[in-house]
Amino acid sequence: MVDPIWSTWWVWAAASLVLAIIEVLAPGFVFLGFAIGAAAVALILLNTGISFGLPMLLLIFAALSLVAWLIMRRVFARPQGQVKTFDHDIND
């Protein structure tokens, strides 16, 4: 039986690359978590060789993307109590 396209590791790797490029074009660490999740799914498919169904792959992708986003939020967050203030107008 032929594996469906979503069970192929390079599809997830390509999706990860596309999401990383989108992150460069639209910064803010929004798409980076999704890119990391897709890359992790690609590595899981590449290393295990097990063929998962689409619902299971999407669940793994969502869970790993959430974990990546939470880690990035903690790493790139401002120090506790620090508030961004503006001292001057950008037009001055």
PDB file of N, CA and C in Angstrom:
ATOM      1  N   MET A   1       0.843  -1.181   0.000  1.00  0.00           N
ATOM      2  CA  MET A   1       0.000   0.000   0.000  1.00  0.00           C
ATOM      3  C   MET A   1       0.888   1.244   0.000  1.00  0.00           C
ATOM      4  N   VAL A   2       0.532   2.234  -0.780  1.00  0.00           N
ATOM      5  CA  VAL A   2       1.301   3.466  -0.887  1.00  0.00           C
ATOM      6  C   VAL A   2       0.889   4.409   0.242  1.00  0.00           C
ATOM      7  N   ASP A   3       1.904   5.009   0.892  1.00  0.00           N
ATOM      8  CA  ASP A   3       1.615   5.967   1.957  1.00  0.00           C
ATOM      9  C   ASP A   3       1.008   7.235   1.373  1.00  0.00           C
ATOM     10  N   PRO A   4       0.033   7.803   2.064  1.00  0.00           N
ATOM     11  CA  PRO A   4      -0.512   9.098   1.615  1.00  0.00           C
ATOM     12  C   PRO A   4       0.570  10.172   1.692  1.00  0.00           C
ATOM     13  N   ILE A   5       0.353  11.251   0.984  1.00  0.00           N
ATOM     14  CA  ILE A   5       1.363  12.310   0.894  1.00  0.00           C
ATOM     15  C   ILE A   5       1.679  12.915   2.258  1.00  0.00           C
ATOM     16  N   TRP A   6       0.711  13.015   3.150  1.00  0.00           N
ATOM     17  CA  TRP A   6       0.971  13.643   4.453  1.00  0.00           C
ATOM     18  C   TRP A   6       1.801  12.752   5.372  1.00  0.00           C
ATOM     19  N   SER A   7       1.979  11.499   5.020  1.00  0.00           N
ATOM     20  CA  SER A   7       2.816  10.607   5.821  1.00  0.00           C
ATOM     21  C   SER A   7       4.273  10.613   5.367  1.00  0.00           C
ATOM     22  N   THR A   8       4.587  11.461   4.401  1.00  0.00           N
ATOM     23  CA  THR A   8       5.946  11.551   3.883  1.00  0.00           C
ATOM     24  C   THR A   8       6.687  12.658   4.635  1.00  0.00           C
ATOM     25  N   TRP A   9       7.901  12.352   5.079  1.00  0.00           N
ATOM     26  CA  TRP A   9       8.627  13.298   5.930  1.00  0.00           C
ATOM     27  C   TRP A   9       8.972  14.584   5.202  1.00  0.00           C
ATOM     28  N   TRP A  10       9.282  14.507   3.898  1.00  0.00           N
ATOM     29  CA  TRP A  10       9.729  15.711   3.198  1.00  0.00           C
ATOM     30  C   TRP A  10       8.597  16.710   2.983  1.00  0.00           C
ATOM     31  N   VAL A  11       7.344  16.251   3.017  1.00  0.00           N
ATOM     32  CA  VAL A  11       6.215  17.182   2.912  1.00  0.00           C
ATOM     33  C   VAL A  11       6.170  18.070   4.147  1.00  0.00           C
ATOM     34  N   TRP A  12       6.379  17.465   5.313  1.00  0.00           N
ATOM     35  CA  TRP A  12       6.404  18.229   6.557  1.00  0.00           C
ATOM     36  C   TRP A  12       7.631  19.132   6.613  1.00  0.00           C
ATOM     37  N   ALA A  13       8.762  18.669   6.084  1.00  0.00           N
ATOM     38  CA  ALA A  13       9.966  19.498   6.043  1.00  0.00           C
ATOM     39  C   ALA A  13       9.756  20.701   5.117  1.00  0.00           C
ATOM     40  N   ALA A  14       9.103  20.484   3.989  1.00  0.00           N
ATOM     41  CA  ALA A  14       8.808  21.588   3.078  1.00  0.00           C
ATOM     42  C   ALA A  14       7.837  22.574   3.722  1.00  0.00           C
ATOM     43  N   ALA A  15       6.841  22.059   4.425  1.00  0.00           N
ATOM     44  CA  ALA A  15       5.903  22.937   5.132  1.00  0.00           C
ATOM     45  C   ALA A  15       6.629  23.750   6.201  1.00  0.00           C
ATOM     46  N   SER A  16       7.577  23.120   6.871  1.00  0.00           N
ATOM     47  CA  SER A  16       8.370  23.824   7.877  1.00  0.00           C
ATOM     48  C   SER A  16       9.172  24.946   7.238  1.00  0.00           C
ATOM     49  N   LEU A  17       9.773  24.682   6.103  1.00  0.00           N
ATOM     50  CA  LEU A  17      10.548  25.698   5.405  1.00  0.00           C
ATOM     51  C   LEU A  17       9.661  26.858   4.953  1.00  0.00           C
ATOM     52  N   VAL A  18       8.494  26.553   4.426  1.00  0.00           N
ATOM     53  CA  VAL A  18       7.560  27.603   3.995  1.00  0.00           C
ATOM     54  C   VAL A  18       7.121  28.448   5.189  1.00  0.00           C
ATOM     55  N   LEU A  19       6.817  27.804   6.309  1.00  0.00           N
ATOM     56  CA  LEU A  19       6.408  28.546   7.498  1.00  0.00           C
ATOM     57  C   LEU A  19       7.547  29.406   8.044  1.00  0.00           C
ATOM     58  N   ALA A  20       8.773  28.915   7.958  1.00  0.00           N
ATOM     59  CA  ALA A  20       9.924  29.713   8.405  1.00  0.00           C
ATOM     60  C   ALA A  20      10.126  30.929   7.501  1.00  0.00           C
ATOM     61  N   ILE A  21       9.911  30.768   6.212  1.00  0.00           N
ATOM     62  CA  ILE A  21      10.020  31.902   5.289  1.00  0.00           C
ATOM     63  C   ILE A  21       8.925  32.920   5.574  1.00  0.00           C
ATOM     64  N   ILE A  22       7.724  32.453   5.842  1.00  0.00           N
ATOM     65  CA  ILE A  22       6.633  33.356   6.198  1.00  0.00           C
ATOM     66  C   ILE A  22       6.974  34.102   7.480  1.00  0.00           C
ATOM     67  N   GLU A  23       7.624  33.439   8.422  1.00  0.00           N
ATOM     68  CA  GLU A  23       8.025  34.096   9.668  1.00  0.00           C
ATOM     69  C   GLU A  23       9.012  35.224   9.402  1.00  0.00           C
ATOM     70  N   VAL A  24       9.909  35.026   8.452  1.00  0.00           N
ATOM     71  CA  VAL A  24      10.864  36.088   8.113  1.00  0.00           C
ATOM     72  C   VAL A  24      10.124  37.286   7.508  1.00  0.00           C
ATOM     73  N   LEU A  25       9.115  37.021   6.698  1.00  0.00           N
ATOM     74  CA  LEU A  25       8.367  38.094   6.057  1.00  0.00           C
ATOM     75  C   LEU A  25       7.392  38.777   7.009  1.00  0.00           C
ATOM     76  N   ALA A  26       6.884  38.050   7.996  1.00  0.00           N
ATOM     77  CA  ALA A  26       5.937  38.601   8.963  1.00  0.00           C
ATOM     78  C   ALA A  26       6.445  38.287  10.364  1.00  0.00           C
ATOM     79  N   PRO A  27       7.442  39.049  10.846  1.00  0.00           N
ATOM     80  CA  PRO A  27       8.066  38.706  12.130  1.00  0.00           C
ATOM     81  C   PRO A  27       7.107  38.865  13.298  1.00  0.00           C
ATOM     82  N   GLY A  28       7.448  38.233  14.376  1.00  0.00           N
ATOM     83  CA  GLY A  28       6.642  38.305  15.588  1.00  0.00           C
ATOM     84  C   GLY A  28       6.528  36.968  16.275  1.00  0.00           C
ATOM     85  N   PHE A  29       7.279  35.989  15.821  1.00  0.00           N
ATOM     86  CA  PHE A  29       7.283  34.647  16.398  1.00  0.00           C
ATOM     87  C   PHE A  29       5.915  33.983  16.329  1.00  0.00           C
ATOM     88  N   VAL A  30       5.133  34.327  15.314  1.00  0.00           N
ATOM     89  CA  VAL A  30       3.818  33.705  15.145  1.00  0.00           C
ATOM     90  C   VAL A  30       3.953  32.383  14.401  1.00  0.00           C
ATOM     91  N   PHE A  31       4.637  32.412  13.273  1.00  0.00           N
ATOM     92  CA  PHE A  31       4.754  31.221  12.439  1.00  0.00           C
ATOM     93  C   PHE A  31       5.937  30.345  12.818  1.00  0.00           C
ATOM     94  N   LEU A  32       6.852  30.852  13.645  1.00  0.00           N
ATOM     95  CA  LEU A  32       8.034  30.077  14.008  1.00  0.00           C
ATOM     96  C   LEU A  32       7.666  28.842  14.824  1.00  0.00           C
ATOM     97  N   GLY A  33       6.685  28.953  15.708  1.00  0.00           N
ATOM     98  CA  GLY A  33       6.232  27.794  16.471  1.00  0.00           C
ATOM     99  C   GLY A  33       5.658  26.710  15.565  1.00  0.00           C
ATOM    100  N   PHE A  34       4.903  27.138  14.559  1.00  0.00           N
ATOM    101  CA  PHE A  34       4.359  26.179  13.607  1.00  0.00           C
ATOM    102  C   PHE A  34       5.468  25.543  12.773  1.00  0.00           C
ATOM    103  N   ALA A  35       6.476  26.341  12.407  1.00  0.00           N
ATOM    104  CA  ALA A  35       7.604  25.807  11.641  1.00  0.00           C
ATOM    105  C   ALA A  35       8.366  24.770  12.455  1.00  0.00           C
ATOM    106  N   ILE A  36       8.565  25.045  13.726  1.00  0.00           N
ATOM    107  CA  ILE A  36       9.257  24.086  14.594  1.00  0.00           C
ATOM    108  C   ILE A  36       8.430  22.816  14.754  1.00  0.00           C
ATOM    109  N   GLY A  37       7.115  22.964  14.906  1.00  0.00           N
ATOM    110  CA  GLY A  37       6.237  21.794  15.011  1.00  0.00           C
ATOM    111  C   GLY A  37       6.265  20.937  13.760  1.00  0.00           C
ATOM    112  N   ALA A  38       6.245  21.575  12.594  1.00  0.00           N
ATOM    113  CA  ALA A  38       6.296  20.825  11.331  1.00  0.00           C
ATOM    114  C   ALA A  38       7.652  20.141  11.158  1.00  0.00           C
ATOM    115  N   ALA A  39       8.726  20.822  11.559  1.00  0.00           N
ATOM    116  CA  ALA A  39      10.055  20.210  11.470  1.00  0.00           C
ATOM    117  C   ALA A  39      10.161  19.015  12.408  1.00  0.00           C
ATOM    118  N   ALA A  40       9.572  19.123  13.586  1.00  0.00           N
ATOM    119  CA  ALA A  40       9.601  17.998  14.529  1.00  0.00           C
ATOM    120  C   ALA A  40       8.817  16.805  13.992  1.00  0.00           C
ATOM    121  N   VAL A  41       7.686  17.054  13.362  1.00  0.00           N
ATOM    122  CA  VAL A  41       6.912  15.965  12.754  1.00  0.00           C
ATOM    123  C   VAL A  41       7.721  15.325  11.621  1.00  0.00           C
ATOM    124  N   ALA A  42       8.413  16.151  10.827  1.00  0.00           N
ATOM    125  CA  ALA A  42       9.255  15.607   9.760  1.00  0.00           C
ATOM    126  C   ALA A  42      10.348  14.711  10.338  1.00  0.00           C
ATOM    127  N   LEU A  43      10.969  15.144  11.420  1.00  0.00           N
ATOM    128  CA  LEU A  43      12.013  14.326  12.048  1.00  0.00           C
ATOM    129  C   LEU A  43      11.450  13.035  12.631  1.00  0.00           C
ATOM    130  N   ILE A  44      10.262  13.114  13.205  1.00  0.00           N
ATOM    131  CA  ILE A  44       9.622  11.900  13.748  1.00  0.00           C
ATOM    132  C   ILE A  44       9.341  10.908  12.629  1.00  0.00           C
ATOM    133  N   LEU A  45       8.790  11.393  11.514  1.00  0.00           N
ATOM    134  CA  LEU A  45       8.495  10.502  10.384  1.00  0.00           C
ATOM    135  C   LEU A  45       9.760   9.948   9.754  1.00  0.00           C
ATOM    136  N   LEU A  46      10.809  10.764   9.699  1.00  0.00           N
ATOM    137  CA  LEU A  46      12.060  10.320   9.096  1.00  0.00           C
ATOM    138  C   LEU A  46      12.756   9.272   9.955  1.00  0.00           C
ATOM    139  N   ASN A  47      12.766   9.473  11.267  1.00  0.00           N
ATOM    140  CA  ASN A  47      13.514   8.586  12.157  1.00  0.00           C
ATOM    141  C   ASN A  47      12.769   7.319  12.543  1.00  0.00           C
ATOM    142  N   THR A  48      11.464   7.381  12.666  1.00  0.00           N
ATOM    143  CA  THR A  48      10.731   6.198  13.113  1.00  0.00           C
ATOM    144  C   THR A  48      10.324   5.295  11.958  1.00  0.00           C
ATOM    145  N   GLY A  49       9.970   5.887  10.831  1.00  0.00           N
ATOM    146  CA  GLY A  49       9.518   5.081   9.707  1.00  0.00           C
ATOM    147  C   GLY A  49       8.102   4.561   9.872  1.00  0.00           C
ATOM    148  N   ILE A  50       7.430   4.953  10.941  1.00  0.00           N
ATOM    149  CA  ILE A  50       6.049   4.536  11.188  1.00  0.00           C
ATOM    150  C   ILE A  50       5.117   5.446  10.401  1.00  0.00           C
ATOM    151  N   SER A  51       4.108   4.881   9.799  1.00  0.00           N
ATOM    152  CA  SER A  51       3.135   5.649   9.044  1.00  0.00           C
ATOM    153  C   SER A  51       1.937   5.961   9.938  1.00  0.00           C
ATOM    154  N   PHE A  52       1.780   7.244  10.250  1.00  0.00           N
ATOM    155  CA  PHE A  52       0.643   7.689  11.066  1.00  0.00           C
ATOM    156  C   PHE A  52      -0.467   8.174  10.145  1.00  0.00           C
ATOM    157  N   GLY A  53      -1.691   8.159  10.661  1.00  0.00           N
ATOM    158  CA  GLY A  53      -2.813   8.729   9.931  1.00  0.00           C
ATOM    159  C   GLY A  53      -2.809  10.243  10.061  1.00  0.00           C
ATOM    160  N   LEU A  54      -3.593  10.905   9.217  1.00  0.00           N
ATOM    161  CA  LEU A  54      -3.639  12.364   9.230  1.00  0.00           C
ATOM    162  C   LEU A  54      -4.097  12.928  10.574  1.00  0.00           C
ATOM    163  N   PRO A  55      -5.148  12.393  11.217  1.00  0.00           N
ATOM    164  CA  PRO A  55      -5.546  12.959  12.512  1.00  0.00           C
ATOM    165  C   PRO A  55      -4.432  12.873  13.564  1.00  0.00           C
ATOM    166  N   MET A  56      -3.700  11.773  13.593  1.00  0.00           N
ATOM    167  CA  MET A  56      -2.620  11.630  14.562  1.00  0.00           C
ATOM    168  C   MET A  56      -1.472  12.590  14.248  1.00  0.00           C
ATOM    169  N   LEU A  57      -1.140  12.751  12.969  1.00  0.00           N
ATOM    170  CA  LEU A  57      -0.088  13.688  12.584  1.00  0.00           C
ATOM    171  C   LEU A  57      -0.461  15.124  12.931  1.00  0.00           C
ATOM    172  N   LEU A  58      -1.717  15.476  12.706  1.00  0.00           N
ATOM    173  CA  LEU A  58      -2.161  16.828  13.052  1.00  0.00           C
ATOM    174  C   LEU A  58      -2.151  17.047  14.563  1.00  0.00           C
ATOM    175  N   LEU A  59      -2.475  16.021  15.316  1.00  0.00           N
ATOM    176  CA  LEU A  59      -2.424  16.129  16.777  1.00  0.00           C
ATOM    177  C   LEU A  59      -0.986  16.312  17.255  1.00  0.00           C
ATOM    178  N   ILE A  60      -0.067  15.537  16.706  1.00  0.00           N
ATOM    179  CA  ILE A  60       1.344  15.675  17.065  1.00  0.00           C
ATOM    180  C   ILE A  60       1.850  17.058  16.663  1.00  0.00           C
ATOM    181  N   PHE A  61       1.492  17.507  15.462  1.00  0.00           N
ATOM    182  CA  PHE A  61       1.903  18.825  14.984  1.00  0.00           C
ATOM    183  C   PHE A  61       1.381  19.929  15.901  1.00  0.00           C
ATOM    184  N   ALA A  62       0.109  19.844  16.276  1.00  0.00           N
ATOM    185  CA  ALA A  62      -0.483  20.871  17.135  1.00  0.00           C
ATOM    186  C   ALA A  62       0.172  20.876  18.513  1.00  0.00           C
ATOM    187  N   ALA A  63       0.395  19.711  19.076  1.00  0.00           N
ATOM    188  CA  ALA A  63       1.003  19.632  20.409  1.00  0.00           C
ATOM    189  C   ALA A  63       2.437  20.160  20.395  1.00  0.00           C
ATOM    190  N   LEU A  64       3.222  19.765  19.399  1.00  0.00           N
ATOM    191  CA  LEU A  64       4.608  20.224  19.329  1.00  0.00           C
ATOM    192  C   LEU A  64       4.693  21.711  19.001  1.00  0.00           C
ATOM    193  N   SER A  65       3.774  22.215  18.201  1.00  0.00           N
ATOM    194  CA  SER A  65       3.745  23.649  17.912  1.00  0.00           C
ATOM    195  C   SER A  65       3.404  24.446  19.160  1.00  0.00           C
ATOM    196  N   LEU A  66       2.468  23.953  19.952  1.00  0.00           N
ATOM    197  CA  LEU A  66       2.104  24.619  21.202  1.00  0.00           C
ATOM    198  C   LEU A  66       3.279  24.636  22.171  1.00  0.00           C
ATOM    199  N   VAL A  67       3.963  23.516  22.291  1.00  0.00           N
ATOM    200  CA  VAL A  67       5.127  23.440  23.185  1.00  0.00           C
ATOM    201  C   VAL A  67       6.212  24.402  22.702  1.00  0.00           C
ATOM    202  N   ALA A  68       6.464  24.440  21.406  1.00  0.00           N
ATOM    203  CA  ALA A  68       7.475  25.347  20.854  1.00  0.00           C
ATOM    204  C   ALA A  68       7.094  26.796  21.101  1.00  0.00           C
ATOM    205  N   TRP A  69       5.823  27.125  20.932  1.00  0.00           N
ATOM    206  CA  TRP A  69       5.370  28.493  21.162  1.00  0.00           C
ATOM    207  C   TRP A  69       5.512  28.877  22.631  1.00  0.00           C
ATOM    208  N   LEU A  70       5.174  27.974  23.538  1.00  0.00           N
ATOM    209  CA  LEU A  70       5.300  28.274  24.967  1.00  0.00           C
ATOM    210  C   LEU A  70       6.760  28.455  25.369  1.00  0.00           C
ATOM    211  N   ILE A  71       7.639  27.639  24.818  1.00  0.00           N
ATOM    212  CA  ILE A  71       9.064  27.781  25.120  1.00  0.00           C
ATOM    213  C   ILE A  71       9.587  29.108  24.567  1.00  0.00           C
ATOM    214  N   MET A  72       9.217  29.444  23.343  1.00  0.00           N
ATOM    215  CA  MET A  72       9.663  30.714  22.771  1.00  0.00           C
ATOM    216  C   MET A  72       9.112  31.901  23.543  1.00  0.00           C
ATOM    217  N   ARG A  73       7.902  31.781  24.017  1.00  0.00           N
ATOM    218  CA  ARG A  73       7.307  32.866  24.805  1.00  0.00           C
ATOM    219  C   ARG A  73       8.094  33.094  26.081  1.00  0.00           C
ATOM    220  N   ARG A  74       8.544  32.016  26.699  1.00  0.00           N
ATOM    221  CA  ARG A  74       9.318  32.140  27.920  1.00  0.00           C
ATOM    222  C   ARG A  74      10.730  32.672  27.628  1.00  0.00           C
ATOM    223  N   VAL A  75      11.341  32.199  26.558  1.00  0.00           N
ATOM    224  CA  VAL A  75      12.713  32.596  26.242  1.00  0.00           C
ATOM    225  C   VAL A  75      12.785  34.044  25.756  1.00  0.00           C
ATOM    226  N   PHE A  76      11.864  34.455  24.895  1.00  0.00           N
ATOM    227  CA  PHE A  76      11.931  35.776  24.292  1.00  0.00           C
ATOM    228  C   PHE A  76      11.086  36.823  25.002  1.00  0.00           C
ATOM    229  N   ALA A  77      10.520  36.505  26.150  1.00  0.00           N
ATOM    230  CA  ALA A  77       9.671  37.451  26.874  1.00  0.00           C
ATOM    231  C   ALA A  77      10.518  38.546  27.509  1.00  0.00           C
ATOM    232  N   ARG A  78       9.882  39.659  27.755  1.00  0.00           N
ATOM    233  CA  ARG A  78      10.541  40.733  28.487  1.00  0.00           C
ATOM    234  C   ARG A  78      10.682  40.308  29.942  1.00  0.00           C
ATOM    235  N   PRO A  79      11.696  40.838  30.591  1.00  0.00           N
ATOM    236  CA  PRO A  79      11.842  40.547  32.020  1.00  0.00           C
ATOM    237  C   PRO A  79      10.591  40.991  32.793  1.00  0.00           C
ATOM    238  N   GLN A  80      10.302  40.280  33.857  1.00  0.00           N
ATOM    239  CA  GLN A  80       9.099  40.532  34.650  1.00  0.00           C
ATOM    240  C   GLN A  80       9.074  41.978  35.147  1.00  0.00           C
ATOM    241  N   GLY A  81       7.976  42.639  34.928  1.00  0.00           N
ATOM    242  CA  GLY A  81       7.808  44.005  35.416  1.00  0.00           C
ATOM    243  C   GLY A  81       8.301  45.068  34.451  1.00  0.00           C
ATOM    244  N   GLN A  82       8.982  44.682  33.387  1.00  0.00           N
ATOM    245  CA  GLN A  82       9.488  45.657  32.429  1.00  0.00           C
ATOM    246  C   GLN A  82       8.374  46.031  31.456  1.00  0.00           C
ATOM    247  N   VAL A  83       8.172  47.333  31.297  1.00  0.00           N
ATOM    248  CA  VAL A  83       7.132  47.831  30.423  1.00  0.00           C
ATOM    249  C   VAL A  83       7.796  48.673  29.336  1.00  0.00           C
ATOM    250  N   LYS A  84       7.353  48.503  28.117  1.00  0.00           N
ATOM    251  CA  LYS A  84       7.909  49.288  27.025  1.00  0.00           C
ATOM    252  C   LYS A  84       7.289  50.675  27.049  1.00  0.00           C
ATOM    253  N   THR A  85       8.143  51.701  27.147  1.00  0.00           N
ATOM    254  CA  THR A  85       7.666  53.087  27.134  1.00  0.00           C
ATOM    255  C   THR A  85       8.338  53.830  25.997  1.00  0.00           C
ATOM    256  N   PHE A  86       7.679  54.856  25.529  1.00  0.00           N
ATOM    257  CA  PHE A  86       8.211  55.673  24.453  1.00  0.00           C
ATOM    258  C   PHE A  86       8.491  57.065  25.026  1.00  0.00           C
ATOM    259  N   ASP A  87       9.748  57.523  24.883  1.00  0.00           N
ATOM    260  CA  ASP A  87      10.165  58.810  25.432  1.00  0.00           C
ATOM    261  C   ASP A  87      10.020  59.951  24.425  1.00  0.00           C
ATOM    262  N   HIS A  88       9.950  59.616  23.163  1.00  0.00           N
ATOM    263  CA  HIS A  88       9.872  60.661  22.145  1.00  0.00           C
ATOM    264  C   HIS A  88       9.012  60.173  20.979  1.00  0.00           C
ATOM    265  N   ASP A  89       8.581  61.142  20.218  1.00  0.00           N
ATOM    266  CA  ASP A  89       7.780  60.854  19.046  1.00  0.00           C
ATOM    267  C   ASP A  89       8.708  60.492  17.882  1.00  0.00           C
ATOM    268  N   ILE A  90       8.327  59.526  17.065  1.00  0.00           N
ATOM    269  CA  ILE A  90       9.193  59.115  15.965  1.00  0.00           C
ATOM    270  C   ILE A  90       9.308  60.197  14.904  1.00  0.00           C
ATOM    271  N   ASN A  91       8.428  61.169  14.918  1.00  0.00           N
ATOM    272  CA  ASN A  91       8.464  62.250  13.926  1.00  0.00           C
ATOM    273  C   ASN A  91       9.361  63.398  14.345  1.00  0.00           C
ATOM    274  N   ASP A  92       9.895  63.375  15.552  1.00  0.00           N
ATOM    275  CA  ASP A  92      10.775  64.466  16.017  1.00  0.00           C
ATOM    276  C   ASP A  92      12.165  64.315  15.487  1.00  0.00           C
TER     277      ASP A  92
END
